[in-house]
Amino acid sequence: AVYYCNADVQLDIPTMFDNFWGQGTQVT
């Protein structure tokens, strides 16, 4: 599959949060 990294991040603005994805890496 293509494996994707994901993270729940608190941004440098203390009250701001967001979720991010990597571009993916292929595992065969």
mmCIF file of all heavy atoms, coordinates in Angstrom:
data_MODEL
# 
_entry.id   MODEL 
# 
loop_
_atom_site.group_PDB 
_atom_site.id 
_atom_site.type_symbol 
_atom_site.label_atom_id 
_atom_site.label_alt_id 
_atom_site.label_comp_id 
_atom_site.label_asym_id 
_atom_site.label_entity_id 
_atom_site.label_seq_id 
_atom_site.pdbx_PDB_ins_code 
_atom_site.Cartn_x 
_atom_site.Cartn_y 
_atom_site.Cartn_z 
_atom_site.occupancy 
_atom_site.B_iso_or_equiv 
_atom_site.pdbx_formal_charge 
_atom_site.auth_seq_id 
_atom_site.auth_comp_id 
_atom_site.auth_asym_id 
_atom_site.auth_atom_id 
_atom_site.pdbx_PDB_model_num 
ATOM 1   N N   . ALA A 1 1  ? 0.843  -1.186 0.000  1.00 0.00 ? 1  ALA A N   1 
ATOM 2   C CA  . ALA A 1 1  ? 0.000  0.000  0.000  1.00 0.00 ? 1  ALA A CA  1 
ATOM 3   C C   . ALA A 1 1  ? 0.879  1.237  0.000  1.00 0.00 ? 1  ALA A C   1 
ATOM 4   O O   . ALA A 1 1  ? 2.097  1.153  0.186  1.00 0.00 ? 1  ALA A O   1 
ATOM 5   C CB  . ALA A 1 1  ? -0.912 0.020  1.229  1.00 0.00 ? 1  ALA A CB  1 
ATOM 6   N N   . VAL A 1 2  ? 0.252  2.369  -0.202 1.00 0.00 ? 2  VAL A N   1 
ATOM 7   C CA  . VAL A 1 2  ? 0.912  3.635  0.062  1.00 0.00 ? 2  VAL A CA  1 
ATOM 8   C C   . VAL A 1 2  ? 0.668  3.968  1.527  1.00 0.00 ? 2  VAL A C   1 
ATOM 9   O O   . VAL A 1 2  ? -0.482 3.974  1.980  1.00 0.00 ? 2  VAL A O   1 
ATOM 10  C CB  . VAL A 1 2  ? 0.386  4.769  -0.835 1.00 0.00 ? 2  VAL A CB  1 
ATOM 11  C CG1 . VAL A 1 2  ? 1.048  6.091  -0.470 1.00 0.00 ? 2  VAL A CG1 1 
ATOM 12  C CG2 . VAL A 1 2  ? 0.638  4.439  -2.304 1.00 0.00 ? 2  VAL A CG2 1 
ATOM 13  N N   . TYR A 1 3  ? 1.730  4.217  2.249  1.00 0.00 ? 3  TYR A N   1 
ATOM 14  C CA  . TYR A 1 3  ? 1.639  4.515  3.669  1.00 0.00 ? 3  TYR A CA  1 
ATOM 15  C C   . TYR A 1 3  ? 1.776  6.015  3.879  1.00 0.00 ? 3  TYR A C   1 
ATOM 16  O O   . TYR A 1 3  ? 2.718  6.640  3.393  1.00 0.00 ? 3  TYR A O   1 
ATOM 17  C CB  . TYR A 1 3  ? 2.730  3.770  4.439  1.00 0.00 ? 3  TYR A CB  1 
ATOM 18  C CG  . TYR A 1 3  ? 2.433  2.302  4.612  1.00 0.00 ? 3  TYR A CG  1 
ATOM 19  C CD1 . TYR A 1 3  ? 2.457  1.436  3.527  1.00 0.00 ? 3  TYR A CD1 1 
ATOM 20  C CD2 . TYR A 1 3  ? 2.100  1.781  5.864  1.00 0.00 ? 3  TYR A CD2 1 
ATOM 21  C CE1 . TYR A 1 3  ? 2.156  0.093  3.676  1.00 0.00 ? 3  TYR A CE1 1 
ATOM 22  C CE2 . TYR A 1 3  ? 1.809  0.443  6.024  1.00 0.00 ? 3  TYR A CE2 1 
ATOM 23  C CZ  . TYR A 1 3  ? 1.839  -0.401 4.924  1.00 0.00 ? 3  TYR A CZ  1 
ATOM 24  O OH  . TYR A 1 3  ? 1.549  -1.738 5.079  1.00 0.00 ? 3  TYR A OH  1 
ATOM 25  N N   . TYR A 1 4  ? 0.826  6.565  4.630  1.00 0.00 ? 4  TYR A N   1 
ATOM 26  C CA  . TYR A 1 4  ? 0.771  7.994  4.873  1.00 0.00 ? 4  TYR A CA  1 
ATOM 27  C C   . TYR A 1 4  ? 0.980  8.312  6.347  1.00 0.00 ? 4  TYR A C   1 
ATOM 28  O O   . TYR A 1 4  ? 0.382  7.678  7.212  1.00 0.00 ? 4  TYR A O   1 
ATOM 29  C CB  . TYR A 1 4  ? -0.585 8.566  4.449  1.00 0.00 ? 4  TYR A CB  1 
ATOM 30  C CG  . TYR A 1 4  ? -0.878 8.465  2.976  1.00 0.00 ? 4  TYR A CG  1 
ATOM 31  C CD1 . TYR A 1 4  ? -1.562 7.372  2.465  1.00 0.00 ? 4  TYR A CD1 1 
ATOM 32  C CD2 . TYR A 1 4  ? -0.487 9.474  2.105  1.00 0.00 ? 4  TYR A CD2 1 
ATOM 33  C CE1 . TYR A 1 4  ? -1.840 7.274  1.111  1.00 0.00 ? 4  TYR A CE1 1 
ATOM 34  C CE2 . TYR A 1 4  ? -0.766 9.380  0.747  1.00 0.00 ? 4  TYR A CE2 1 
ATOM 35  C CZ  . TYR A 1 4  ? -1.445 8.285  0.256  1.00 0.00 ? 4  TYR A CZ  1 
ATOM 36  O OH  . TYR A 1 4  ? -1.723 8.200  -1.084 1.00 0.00 ? 4  TYR A OH  1 
ATOM 37  N N   . CYS A 1 5  ? 1.785  9.300  6.598  1.00 0.00 ? 5  CYS A N   1 
ATOM 38  C CA  . CYS A 1 5  ? 1.974  9.814  7.944  1.00 0.00 ? 5  CYS A CA  1 
ATOM 39  C C   . CYS A 1 5  ? 0.922  10.875 8.228  1.00 0.00 ? 5  CYS A C   1 
ATOM 40  O O   . CYS A 1 5  ? 0.554  11.657 7.347  1.00 0.00 ? 5  CYS A O   1 
ATOM 41  C CB  . CYS A 1 5  ? 3.377  10.409 8.071  1.00 0.00 ? 5  CYS A CB  1 
ATOM 42  S SG  . CYS A 1 5  ? 3.781  11.089 9.692  1.00 0.00 ? 5  CYS A SG  1 
ATOM 43  N N   . ASN A 1 6  ? 0.436  10.900 9.452  1.00 0.00 ? 6  ASN A N   1 
ATOM 44  C CA  . ASN A 1 6  ? -0.568 11.869 9.863  1.00 0.00 ? 6  ASN A CA  1 
ATOM 45  C C   . ASN A 1 6  ? -0.213 12.422 11.235 1.00 0.00 ? 6  ASN A C   1 
ATOM 46  O O   . ASN A 1 6  ? 0.320  11.705 12.078 1.00 0.00 ? 6  ASN A O   1 
ATOM 47  C CB  . ASN A 1 6  ? -1.950 11.207 9.904  1.00 0.00 ? 6  ASN A CB  1 
ATOM 48  C CG  . ASN A 1 6  ? -3.037 12.157 10.345 1.00 0.00 ? 6  ASN A CG  1 
ATOM 49  O OD1 . ASN A 1 6  ? -3.399 12.191 11.524 1.00 0.00 ? 6  ASN A OD1 1 
ATOM 50  N ND2 . ASN A 1 6  ? -3.568 12.922 9.407  1.00 0.00 ? 6  ASN A ND2 1 
ATOM 51  N N   . ALA A 1 7  ? -0.525 13.696 11.452 1.00 0.00 ? 7  ALA A N   1 
ATOM 52  C CA  . ALA A 1 7  ? -0.221 14.301 12.741 1.00 0.00 ? 7  ALA A CA  1 
ATOM 53  C C   . ALA A 1 7  ? -1.269 15.328 13.130 1.00 0.00 ? 7  ALA A C   1 
ATOM 54  O O   . ALA A 1 7  ? -1.733 16.106 12.288 1.00 0.00 ? 7  ALA A O   1 
ATOM 55  C CB  . ALA A 1 7  ? 1.154  14.958 12.720 1.00 0.00 ? 7  ALA A CB  1 
ATOM 56  N N   . ASP A 1 8  ? -1.637 15.322 14.396 1.00 0.00 ? 8  ASP A N   1 
ATOM 57  C CA  . ASP A 1 8  ? -2.444 16.377 14.991 1.00 0.00 ? 8  ASP A CA  1 
ATOM 58  C C   . ASP A 1 8  ? -1.479 17.370 15.610 1.00 0.00 ? 8  ASP A C   1 
ATOM 59  O O   . ASP A 1 8  ? -0.726 17.024 16.525 1.00 0.00 ? 8  ASP A O   1 
ATOM 60  C CB  . ASP A 1 8  ? -3.385 15.826 16.060 1.00 0.00 ? 8  ASP A CB  1 
ATOM 61  C CG  . ASP A 1 8  ? -4.509 15.008 15.481 1.00 0.00 ? 8  ASP A CG  1 
ATOM 62  O OD1 . ASP A 1 8  ? -4.957 15.316 14.361 1.00 0.00 ? 8  ASP A OD1 1 
ATOM 63  O OD2 . ASP A 1 8  ? -4.955 14.060 16.160 1.00 0.00 ? 8  ASP A OD2 1 
ATOM 64  N N   . VAL A 1 9  ? -1.519 18.599 15.120 1.00 0.00 ? 9  VAL A N   1 
ATOM 65  C CA  . VAL A 1 9  ? -0.497 19.587 15.450 1.00 0.00 ? 9  VAL A CA  1 
ATOM 66  C C   . VAL A 1 9  ? -1.104 20.821 16.096 1.00 0.00 ? 9  VAL A C   1 
ATOM 67  O O   . VAL A 1 9  ? -2.104 21.360 15.619 1.00 0.00 ? 9  VAL A O   1 
ATOM 68  C CB  . VAL A 1 9  ? 0.283  20.002 14.188 1.00 0.00 ? 9  VAL A CB  1 
ATOM 69  C CG1 . VAL A 1 9  ? 1.313  21.077 14.518 1.00 0.00 ? 9  VAL A CG1 1 
ATOM 70  C CG2 . VAL A 1 9  ? 0.953  18.795 13.554 1.00 0.00 ? 9  VAL A CG2 1 
ATOM 71  N N   . GLN A 1 10 ? -0.483 21.263 17.186 1.00 0.00 ? 10 GLN A N   1 
ATOM 72  C CA  . GLN A 1 10 ? -0.771 22.578 17.729 1.00 0.00 ? 10 GLN A CA  1 
ATOM 73  C C   . GLN A 1 10 ? 0.196  23.539 17.072 1.00 0.00 ? 10 GLN A C   1 
ATOM 74  O O   . GLN A 1 10 ? 1.415  23.366 17.175 1.00 0.00 ? 10 GLN A O   1 
ATOM 75  C CB  . GLN A 1 10 ? -0.616 22.609 19.251 1.00 0.00 ? 10 GLN A CB  1 
ATOM 76  C CG  . GLN A 1 10 ? -0.961 23.958 19.854 1.00 0.00 ? 10 GLN A CG  1 
ATOM 77  C CD  . GLN A 1 10 ? -0.698 24.031 21.346 1.00 0.00 ? 10 GLN A CD  1 
ATOM 78  O OE1 . GLN A 1 10 ? 0.115  23.302 21.881 1.00 0.00 ? 10 GLN A OE1 1 
ATOM 79  N NE2 . GLN A 1 10 ? -1.393 24.938 22.021 1.00 0.00 ? 10 GLN A NE2 1 
ATOM 80  N N   . LEU A 1 11 ? -0.328 24.532 16.409 1.00 0.00 ? 11 LEU A N   1 
ATOM 81  C CA  . LEU A 1 11 ? 0.490  25.489 15.699 1.00 0.00 ? 11 LEU A CA  1 
ATOM 82  C C   . LEU A 1 11 ? 1.130  26.485 16.664 1.00 0.00 ? 11 LEU A C   1 
ATOM 83  O O   . LEU A 1 11 ? 0.839  26.474 17.861 1.00 0.00 ? 11 LEU A O   1 
ATOM 84  C CB  . LEU A 1 11 ? -0.346 26.215 14.652 1.00 0.00 ? 11 LEU A CB  1 
ATOM 85  C CG  . LEU A 1 11 ? -1.061 25.303 13.651 1.00 0.00 ? 11 LEU A CG  1 
ATOM 86  C CD1 . LEU A 1 11 ? -1.915 26.126 12.697 1.00 0.00 ? 11 LEU A CD1 1 
ATOM 87  C CD2 . LEU A 1 11 ? -0.056 24.450 12.885 1.00 0.00 ? 11 LEU A CD2 1 
ATOM 88  N N   . ASP A 1 12 ? 1.993  27.329 16.132 1.00 0.00 ? 12 ASP A N   1 
ATOM 89  C CA  . ASP A 1 12 ? 2.691  28.274 17.003 1.00 0.00 ? 12 ASP A CA  1 
ATOM 90  C C   . ASP A 1 12 ? 1.769  29.347 17.574 1.00 0.00 ? 12 ASP A C   1 
ATOM 91  O O   . ASP A 1 12 ? 2.184  30.111 18.439 1.00 0.00 ? 12 ASP A O   1 
ATOM 92  C CB  . ASP A 1 12 ? 3.886  28.907 16.286 1.00 0.00 ? 12 ASP A CB  1 
ATOM 93  C CG  . ASP A 1 12 ? 3.510  29.556 14.969 1.00 0.00 ? 12 ASP A CG  1 
ATOM 94  O OD1 . ASP A 1 12 ? 2.311  29.666 14.666 1.00 0.00 ? 12 ASP A OD1 1 
ATOM 95  O OD2 . ASP A 1 12 ? 4.433  29.955 14.234 1.00 0.00 ? 12 ASP A OD2 1 
ATOM 96  N N   . ILE A 1 13 ? 0.555  29.423 17.086 1.00 0.00 ? 13 ILE A N   1 
ATOM 97  C CA  . ILE A 1 13 ? -0.500 30.178 17.762 1.00 0.00 ? 13 ILE A CA  1 
ATOM 98  C C   . ILE A 1 13 ? -1.131 29.216 18.752 1.00 0.00 ? 13 ILE A C   1 
ATOM 99  O O   . ILE A 1 13 ? -1.742 28.229 18.347 1.00 0.00 ? 13 ILE A O   1 
ATOM 100 C CB  . ILE A 1 13 ? -1.547 30.708 16.773 1.00 0.00 ? 13 ILE A CB  1 
ATOM 101 C CG1 . ILE A 1 13 ? -0.879 31.588 15.719 1.00 0.00 ? 13 ILE A CG1 1 
ATOM 102 C CG2 . ILE A 1 13 ? -2.634 31.483 17.506 1.00 0.00 ? 13 ILE A CG2 1 
ATOM 103 C CD1 . ILE A 1 13 ? -1.805 32.022 14.609 1.00 0.00 ? 13 ILE A CD1 1 
ATOM 104 N N   . PRO A 1 14 ? -1.013 29.486 20.049 1.00 0.00 ? 14 PRO A N   1 
ATOM 105 C CA  . PRO A 1 14 ? -1.332 28.475 21.074 1.00 0.00 ? 14 PRO A CA  1 
ATOM 106 C C   . PRO A 1 14 ? -2.700 27.818 20.966 1.00 0.00 ? 14 PRO A C   1 
ATOM 107 O O   . PRO A 1 14 ? -2.841 26.636 21.296 1.00 0.00 ? 14 PRO A O   1 
ATOM 108 C CB  . PRO A 1 14 ? -1.198 29.272 22.380 1.00 0.00 ? 14 PRO A CB  1 
ATOM 109 C CG  . PRO A 1 14 ? -0.180 30.317 22.075 1.00 0.00 ? 14 PRO A CG  1 
ATOM 110 C CD  . PRO A 1 14 ? -0.448 30.712 20.654 1.00 0.00 ? 14 PRO A CD  1 
ATOM 111 N N   . THR A 1 15 ? -3.709 28.542 20.524 1.00 0.00 ? 15 THR A N   1 
ATOM 112 C CA  . THR A 1 15 ? -5.060 27.985 20.479 1.00 0.00 ? 15 THR A CA  1 
ATOM 113 C C   . THR A 1 15 ? -5.399 27.347 19.141 1.00 0.00 ? 15 THR A C   1 
ATOM 114 O O   . THR A 1 15 ? -6.519 26.869 18.957 1.00 0.00 ? 15 THR A O   1 
ATOM 115 C CB  . THR A 1 15 ? -6.097 29.068 20.796 1.00 0.00 ? 15 THR A CB  1 
ATOM 116 O OG1 . THR A 1 15 ? -5.977 30.149 19.865 1.00 0.00 ? 15 THR A OG1 1 
ATOM 117 C CG2 . THR A 1 15 ? -5.903 29.599 22.208 1.00 0.00 ? 15 THR A CG2 1 
ATOM 118 N N   . MET A 1 16 ? -4.457 27.318 18.222 1.00 0.00 ? 16 MET A N   1 
ATOM 119 C CA  . MET A 1 16 ? -4.713 26.798 16.896 1.00 0.00 ? 16 MET A CA  1 
ATOM 120 C C   . MET A 1 16 ? -4.221 25.361 16.758 1.00 0.00 ? 16 MET A C   1 
ATOM 121 O O   . MET A 1 16 ? -3.073 25.052 17.088 1.00 0.00 ? 16 MET A O   1 
ATOM 122 C CB  . MET A 1 16 ? -4.040 27.665 15.836 1.00 0.00 ? 16 MET A CB  1 
ATOM 123 C CG  . MET A 1 16 ? -4.624 29.066 15.738 1.00 0.00 ? 16 MET A CG  1 
ATOM 124 S SD  . MET A 1 16 ? -6.282 29.073 15.017 1.00 0.00 ? 16 MET A SD  1 
ATOM 125 C CE  . MET A 1 16 ? -5.930 28.568 13.344 1.00 0.00 ? 16 MET A CE  1 
ATOM 126 N N   . PHE A 1 17 ? -5.098 24.510 16.260 1.00 0.00 ? 17 PHE A N   1 
ATOM 127 C CA  . PHE A 1 17 ? -4.769 23.114 16.011 1.00 0.00 ? 17 PHE A CA  1 
ATOM 128 C C   . PHE A 1 17 ? -5.160 22.753 14.590 1.00 0.00 ? 17 PHE A C   1 
ATOM 129 O O   . PHE A 1 17 ? -6.096 23.308 14.019 1.00 0.00 ? 17 PHE A O   1 
ATOM 130 C CB  . PHE A 1 17 ? -5.501 22.190 16.987 1.00 0.00 ? 17 PHE A CB  1 
ATOM 131 C CG  . PHE A 1 17 ? -5.073 22.335 18.405 1.00 0.00 ? 17 PHE A CG  1 
ATOM 132 C CD1 . PHE A 1 17 ? -5.609 23.330 19.211 1.00 0.00 ? 17 PHE A CD1 1 
ATOM 133 C CD2 . PHE A 1 17 ? -4.132 21.475 18.950 1.00 0.00 ? 17 PHE A CD2 1 
ATOM 134 C CE1 . PHE A 1 17 ? -5.221 23.467 20.532 1.00 0.00 ? 17 PHE A CE1 1 
ATOM 135 C CE2 . PHE A 1 17 ? -3.734 21.601 20.273 1.00 0.00 ? 17 PHE A CE2 1 
ATOM 136 C CZ  . PHE A 1 17 ? -4.277 22.596 21.061 1.00 0.00 ? 17 PHE A CZ  1 
ATOM 137 N N   . ASP A 1 18 ? -4.450 21.804 14.025 1.00 0.00 ? 18 ASP A N   1 
ATOM 138 C CA  . ASP A 1 18 ? -4.781 21.331 12.698 1.00 0.00 ? 18 ASP A CA  1 
ATOM 139 C C   . ASP A 1 18 ? -4.242 19.919 12.507 1.00 0.00 ? 18 ASP A C   1 
ATOM 140 O O   . ASP A 1 18 ? -3.458 19.426 13.321 1.00 0.00 ? 18 ASP A O   1 
ATOM 141 C CB  . ASP A 1 18 ? -4.225 22.265 11.626 1.00 0.00 ? 18 ASP A CB  1 
ATOM 142 C CG  . ASP A 1 18 ? -5.078 22.286 10.366 1.00 0.00 ? 18 ASP A CG  1 
ATOM 143 O OD1 . ASP A 1 18 ? -5.904 21.370 10.181 1.00 0.00 ? 18 ASP A OD1 1 
ATOM 144 O OD2 . ASP A 1 18 ? -4.926 23.223 9.560  1.00 0.00 ? 18 ASP A OD2 1 
ATOM 145 N N   . ASN A 1 19 ? -4.682 19.301 11.440 1.00 0.00 ? 19 ASN A N   1 
ATOM 146 C CA  . ASN A 1 19 ? -4.271 17.951 11.106 1.00 0.00 ? 19 ASN A CA  1 
ATOM 147 C C   . ASN A 1 19 ? -3.577 17.957 9.756  1.00 0.00 ? 19 ASN A C   1 
ATOM 148 O O   . ASN A 1 19 ? -4.038 18.613 8.822  1.00 0.00 ? 19 ASN A O   1 
ATOM 149 C CB  . ASN A 1 19 ? -5.485 17.025 11.078 1.00 0.00 ? 19 ASN A CB  1 
ATOM 150 C CG  . ASN A 1 19 ? -5.111 15.590 10.803 1.00 0.00 ? 19 ASN A CG  1 
ATOM 151 O OD1 . ASN A 1 19 ? -5.118 15.143 9.663  1.00 0.00 ? 19 ASN A OD1 1 
ATOM 152 N ND2 . ASN A 1 19 ? -4.780 14.865 11.862 1.00 0.00 ? 19 ASN A ND2 1 
ATOM 153 N N   . PHE A 1 20 ? -2.472 17.220 9.652  1.00 0.00 ? 20 PHE A N   1 
ATOM 154 C CA  . PHE A 1 20 ? -1.667 17.239 8.439  1.00 0.00 ? 20 PHE A CA  1 
ATOM 155 C C   . PHE A 1 20 ? -1.352 15.830 7.967  1.00 0.00 ? 20 PHE A C   1 
ATOM 156 O O   . PHE A 1 20 ? -1.272 14.890 8.762  1.00 0.00 ? 20 PHE A O   1 
ATOM 157 C CB  . PHE A 1 20 ? -0.359 18.001 8.684  1.00 0.00 ? 20 PHE A CB  1 
ATOM 158 C CG  . PHE A 1 20 ? -0.559 19.451 9.006  1.00 0.00 ? 20 PHE A CG  1 
ATOM 159 C CD1 . PHE A 1 20 ? -0.740 19.860 10.318 1.00 0.00 ? 20 PHE A CD1 1 
ATOM 160 C CD2 . PHE A 1 20 ? -0.578 20.408 8.004  1.00 0.00 ? 20 PHE A CD2 1 
ATOM 161 C CE1 . PHE A 1 20 ? -0.932 21.198 10.634 1.00 0.00 ? 20 PHE A CE1 1 
ATOM 162 C CE2 . PHE A 1 20 ? -0.772 21.751 8.308  1.00 0.00 ? 20 PHE A CE2 1 
ATOM 163 C CZ  . PHE A 1 20 ? -0.951 22.142 9.620  1.00 0.00 ? 20 PHE A CZ  1 
ATOM 164 N N   . TRP A 1 21 ? -1.142 15.728 6.668  1.00 0.00 ? 21 TRP A N   1 
ATOM 165 C CA  . TRP A 1 21 ? -0.794 14.471 6.026  1.00 0.00 ? 21 TRP A CA  1 
ATOM 166 C C   . TRP A 1 21 ? 0.511  14.597 5.269  1.00 0.00 ? 21 TRP A C   1 
ATOM 167 O O   . TRP A 1 21 ? 0.818  15.637 4.689  1.00 0.00 ? 21 TRP A O   1 
ATOM 168 C CB  . TRP A 1 21 ? -1.879 14.057 5.033  1.00 0.00 ? 21 TRP A CB  1 
ATOM 169 C CG  . TRP A 1 21 ? -3.171 13.672 5.660  1.00 0.00 ? 21 TRP A CG  1 
ATOM 170 C CD1 . TRP A 1 21 ? -4.245 14.470 5.913  1.00 0.00 ? 21 TRP A CD1 1 
ATOM 171 C CD2 . TRP A 1 21 ? -3.533 12.359 6.109  1.00 0.00 ? 21 TRP A CD2 1 
ATOM 172 N NE1 . TRP A 1 21 ? -5.255 13.749 6.489  1.00 0.00 ? 21 TRP A NE1 1 
ATOM 173 C CE2 . TRP A 1 21 ? -4.849 12.452 6.620  1.00 0.00 ? 21 TRP A CE2 1 
ATOM 174 C CE3 . TRP A 1 21 ? -2.884 11.133 6.119  1.00 0.00 ? 21 TRP A CE3 1 
ATOM 175 C CZ2 . TRP A 1 21 ? -5.517 11.352 7.138  1.00 0.00 ? 21 TRP A CZ2 1 
ATOM 176 C CZ3 . TRP A 1 21 ? -3.549 10.038 6.642  1.00 0.00 ? 21 TRP A CZ3 1 
ATOM 177 C CH2 . TRP A 1 21 ? -4.847 10.152 7.140  1.00 0.00 ? 21 TRP A CH2 1 
ATOM 178 N N   . GLY A 1 22 ? 1.265  13.518 5.262  1.00 0.00 ? 22 GLY A N   1 
ATOM 179 C CA  . GLY A 1 22 ? 2.435  13.435 4.413  1.00 0.00 ? 22 GLY A CA  1 
ATOM 180 C C   . GLY A 1 22 ? 2.044  13.053 3.002  1.00 0.00 ? 22 GLY A C   1 
ATOM 181 O O   . GLY A 1 22 ? 0.872  12.788 2.707  1.00 0.00 ? 22 GLY A O   1 
ATOM 182 N N   . GLN A 1 23 ? 3.029  13.013 2.129  1.00 0.00 ? 23 GLN A N   1 
ATOM 183 C CA  . GLN A 1 23 ? 2.760  12.724 0.718  1.00 0.00 ? 23 GLN A CA  1 
ATOM 184 C C   . GLN A 1 23 ? 2.613  11.236 0.436  1.00 0.00 ? 23 GLN A C   1 
ATOM 185 O O   . GLN A 1 23 ? 2.134  10.850 -0.630 1.00 0.00 ? 23 GLN A O   1 
ATOM 186 C CB  . GLN A 1 23 ? 3.882  13.307 -0.155 1.00 0.00 ? 23 GLN A CB  1 
ATOM 187 C CG  . GLN A 1 23 ? 5.143  12.460 -0.262 1.00 0.00 ? 23 GLN A CG  1 
ATOM 188 C CD  . GLN A 1 23 ? 5.984  12.438 1.003  1.00 0.00 ? 23 GLN A CD  1 
ATOM 189 O OE1 . GLN A 1 23 ? 5.768  13.214 1.927  1.00 0.00 ? 23 GLN A OE1 1 
ATOM 190 N NE2 . GLN A 1 23 ? 6.966  11.541 1.036  1.00 0.00 ? 23 GLN A NE2 1 
ATOM 191 N N   . GLY A 1 24 ? 3.024  10.419 1.361  1.00 0.00 ? 24 GLY A N   1 
ATOM 192 C CA  . GLY A 1 24 ? 2.920  8.981  1.211  1.00 0.00 ? 24 GLY A CA  1 
ATOM 193 C C   . GLY A 1 24 ? 4.200  8.345  0.720  1.00 0.00 ? 24 GLY A C   1 
ATOM 194 O O   . GLY A 1 24 ? 4.985  8.958  -0.005 1.00 0.00 ? 24 GLY A O   1 
ATOM 195 N N   . THR A 1 25 ? 4.413  7.107  1.122  1.00 0.00 ? 25 THR A N   1 
ATOM 196 C CA  . THR A 1 25 ? 5.554  6.335  0.653  1.00 0.00 ? 25 THR A CA  1 
ATOM 197 C C   . THR A 1 25 ? 5.072  4.934  0.304  1.00 0.00 ? 25 THR A C   1 
ATOM 198 O O   . THR A 1 25 ? 4.290  4.332  1.038  1.00 0.00 ? 25 THR A O   1 
ATOM 199 C CB  . THR A 1 25 ? 6.686  6.299  1.701  1.00 0.00 ? 25 THR A CB  1 
ATOM 200 O OG1 . THR A 1 25 ? 7.828  5.635  1.161  1.00 0.00 ? 25 THR A OG1 1 
ATOM 201 C CG2 . THR A 1 25 ? 6.253  5.596  2.980  1.00 0.00 ? 25 THR A CG2 1 
ATOM 202 N N   . GLN A 1 26 ? 5.532  4.424  -0.817 1.00 0.00 ? 26 GLN A N   1 
ATOM 203 C CA  . GLN A 1 26 ? 5.063  3.143  -1.320 1.00 0.00 ? 26 GLN A CA  1 
ATOM 204 C C   . GLN A 1 26 ? 5.781  1.990  -0.635 1.00 0.00 ? 26 GLN A C   1 
ATOM 205 O O   . GLN A 1 26 ? 7.008  1.960  -0.555 1.00 0.00 ? 26 GLN A O   1 
ATOM 206 C CB  . GLN A 1 26 ? 5.286  3.048  -2.835 1.00 0.00 ? 26 GLN A CB  1 
ATOM 207 C CG  . GLN A 1 26 ? 4.890  1.708  -3.449 1.00 0.00 ? 26 GLN A CG  1 
ATOM 208 C CD  . GLN A 1 26 ? 3.393  1.497  -3.472 1.00 0.00 ? 26 GLN A CD  1 
ATOM 209 O OE1 . GLN A 1 26 ? 2.648  2.382  -3.901 1.00 0.00 ? 26 GLN A OE1 1 
ATOM 210 N NE2 . GLN A 1 26 ? 2.944  0.335  -3.006 1.00 0.00 ? 26 GLN A NE2 1 
ATOM 211 N N   . VAL A 1 27 ? 4.997  1.045  -0.157 1.00 0.00 ? 27 VAL A N   1 
ATOM 212 C CA  . VAL A 1 27 ? 5.522  -0.212 0.367  1.00 0.00 ? 27 VAL A CA  1 
ATOM 213 C C   . VAL A 1 27 ? 4.970  -1.336 -0.492 1.00 0.00 ? 27 VAL A C   1 
ATOM 214 O O   . VAL A 1 27 ? 3.756  -1.475 -0.638 1.00 0.00 ? 27 VAL A O   1 
ATOM 215 C CB  . VAL A 1 27 ? 5.134  -0.435 1.835  1.00 0.00 ? 27 VAL A CB  1 
ATOM 216 C CG1 . VAL A 1 27 ? 5.511  -1.848 2.288  1.00 0.00 ? 27 VAL A CG1 1 
ATOM 217 C CG2 . VAL A 1 27 ? 5.794  0.605  2.723  1.00 0.00 ? 27 VAL A CG2 1 
ATOM 218 N N   . THR A 1 28 ? 5.860  -2.114 -1.071 1.00 0.00 ? 28 THR A N   1 
ATOM 219 C CA  . THR A 1 28 ? 5.455  -3.230 -1.911 1.00 0.00 ? 28 THR A CA  1 
ATOM 220 C C   . THR A 1 28 ? 6.073  -4.509 -1.374 1.00 0.00 ? 28 THR A C   1 
ATOM 221 O O   . THR A 1 28 ? 7.293  -4.596 -1.213 1.00 0.00 ? 28 THR A O   1 
ATOM 222 C CB  . THR A 1 28 ? 5.888  -3.023 -3.369 1.00 0.00 ? 28 THR A CB  1 
ATOM 223 O OG1 . THR A 1 28 ? 5.327  -1.809 -3.875 1.00 0.00 ? 28 THR A OG1 1 
ATOM 224 C CG2 . THR A 1 28 ? 5.419  -4.184 -4.232 1.00 0.00 ? 28 THR A CG2 1 
# 
